[in-house]
């Protein structure tokens, strides 16, 4: 992702955005861990690697997050809070305005 400032051009990599998303999810109340959509990647990737970040040709960013939530929390509220927190952090820290955040609740612990 590239954008222009008064001092020059800034490029933010997908890995940097993935790290910002990971930190935003972990500071939200409710999620216990970031999971995965398949069993193979549970064993062979880090938690950050289980967040899918894609950028299309128009500069829009799509984020898929797979989380396990804490037992006793309202699942819909946790999902909504994660979505809002990720959007806020990406717009504030990375100047990402066109962000689509998809939260997938894959389990309760």
Protein backbone atom coordinates (compact mmCIF):
# COMPACT_ATOMS: atom_id res chain seq x y z
CA UNK A 1 0.00 0.00 0.00
CA UNK A 2 1.41 3.36 -1.01
CA UNK A 3 0.30 6.88 -0.23
CA UNK A 4 1.75 10.31 -0.76
CA UNK A 5 2.61 12.81 1.98
CA UNK A 6 4.01 16.29 1.75
CA UNK A 7 7.49 14.84 2.41
CA UNK A 8 7.36 11.98 -0.09
CA UNK A 9 5.88 8.56 -0.67
CA UNK A 10 5.22 6.02 2.09
CA UNK A 11 4.86 2.30 1.39
CA UNK A 12 3.42 -0.06 4.00
CA UNK A 13 3.86 -3.79 3.42
CA UNK A 14 1.15 -6.39 3.93
CA UNK A 15 3.22 -7.94 6.74
CA UNK A 16 3.25 -4.62 8.60
CA UNK A 17 -0.52 -4.34 8.24
CA UNK A 18 -0.89 -7.94 9.44
CA UNK A 19 1.14 -7.09 12.56
CA UNK A 20 -1.02 -4.02 13.26
CA UNK A 21 -4.16 -6.14 12.90
CA UNK A 22 -2.73 -8.76 15.29
CA UNK A 23 -1.96 -6.13 17.92
CA UNK A 24 -5.40 -4.54 17.53
CA UNK A 25 -7.12 -7.91 17.99
CA UNK A 26 -5.09 -8.83 21.06
CA UNK A 27 -5.90 -5.56 22.84
CA UNK A 28 -9.65 -6.09 22.30
CA UNK A 29 -11.63 -7.71 25.11
CA UNK A 30 -12.88 -11.23 24.35
CA UNK A 31 -10.56 -13.10 22.00
CA UNK A 32 -8.39 -15.77 23.62
CA UNK A 33 -6.32 -16.71 20.60
CA UNK A 34 -6.15 -16.20 16.90
CA UNK A 35 -6.98 -19.50 15.28
CA UNK A 36 -7.10 -20.77 11.74
CA UNK A 37 -9.61 -22.02 9.24
CA UNK A 38 -7.85 -25.38 8.76
CA UNK A 39 -6.01 -27.88 10.95
CA UNK A 40 -2.78 -27.93 8.92
CA UNK A 41 -1.95 -24.28 9.52
CA UNK A 42 -2.61 -24.63 13.25
CA UNK A 43 0.65 -26.57 13.52
CA UNK A 44 2.87 -24.78 11.04
CA UNK A 45 2.20 -21.02 11.23
CA UNK A 46 2.47 -18.33 13.86
CA UNK A 47 -0.59 -16.51 15.20
CA UNK A 48 0.19 -13.54 12.96
CA UNK A 49 0.25 -15.85 9.95
CA UNK A 50 -3.35 -16.82 10.65
CA UNK A 51 -4.57 -13.36 9.70
CA UNK A 52 -5.22 -13.01 5.97
CA UNK A 53 -4.55 -9.55 4.52
CA UNK A 54 -5.10 -8.84 0.83
CA UNK A 55 -4.91 -5.65 -1.19
CA UNK A 56 -6.73 -5.32 -4.50
CA UNK A 57 -5.72 -3.22 -7.52
CA UNK A 58 -7.80 -0.26 -6.26
CA UNK A 59 -5.99 -0.05 -2.92
CA UNK A 60 -8.79 -1.56 -0.84
CA UNK A 61 -7.61 -3.85 1.94
CA UNK A 62 -9.46 -7.00 2.97
CA UNK A 63 -8.67 -8.61 6.33
CA UNK A 64 -9.87 -12.05 7.49
CA UNK A 65 -9.36 -12.83 11.17
CA UNK A 66 -10.01 -16.26 12.72
CA UNK A 67 -10.42 -16.07 16.52
CA UNK A 68 -11.43 -18.15 19.47
CA UNK A 69 -13.36 -16.22 22.09
CA UNK A 70 -13.65 -16.49 25.85
CA UNK A 71 -16.56 -18.49 27.27
CA UNK A 72 -19.25 -16.24 28.71
CA UNK A 73 -18.67 -13.30 26.39
CA UNK A 74 -21.27 -12.17 23.90
CA UNK A 75 -19.89 -13.49 20.62
CA UNK A 76 -21.53 -10.85 18.41
CA UNK A 77 -20.19 -8.02 20.58
CA UNK A 78 -16.68 -9.46 20.54
CA UNK A 79 -16.79 -9.73 16.74
CA UNK A 80 -18.10 -6.18 16.38
CA UNK A 81 -15.47 -4.83 18.82
CA UNK A 82 -12.67 -6.57 16.93
CA UNK A 83 -13.93 -5.17 13.63
CA UNK A 84 -14.20 -1.61 14.97
CA UNK A 85 -10.83 -1.73 16.73
CA UNK A 86 -9.02 -3.07 13.64
CA UNK A 87 -10.61 -0.44 11.39
CA UNK A 88 -9.75 2.33 13.84
CA UNK A 89 -6.12 1.23 14.30
CA UNK A 90 -5.51 0.82 10.57
CA UNK A 91 -7.01 4.20 9.74
CA UNK A 92 -5.09 5.95 12.55
CA UNK A 93 -1.71 4.19 12.30
CA UNK A 94 -1.48 3.22 8.62
CA UNK A 95 -3.79 5.73 6.91
CA UNK A 96 -5.93 2.87 5.51
CA UNK A 97 -9.40 4.18 4.73
CA UNK A 98 -10.90 1.44 2.52
CA UNK A 99 -10.70 -1.55 4.87
CA UNK A 100 -13.00 -4.57 4.88
CA UNK A 101 -12.70 -6.58 8.11
CA UNK A 102 -14.18 -10.09 8.32
CA UNK A 103 -14.14 -11.71 11.76
CA UNK A 104 -14.60 -15.49 11.85
CA UNK A 105 -15.37 -16.95 15.30
CA UNK A 106 -14.02 -20.49 15.11
CA UNK A 107 -14.40 -21.56 18.71
CA UNK A 108 -15.22 -20.79 22.32
CA UNK A 109 -12.90 -21.65 25.22
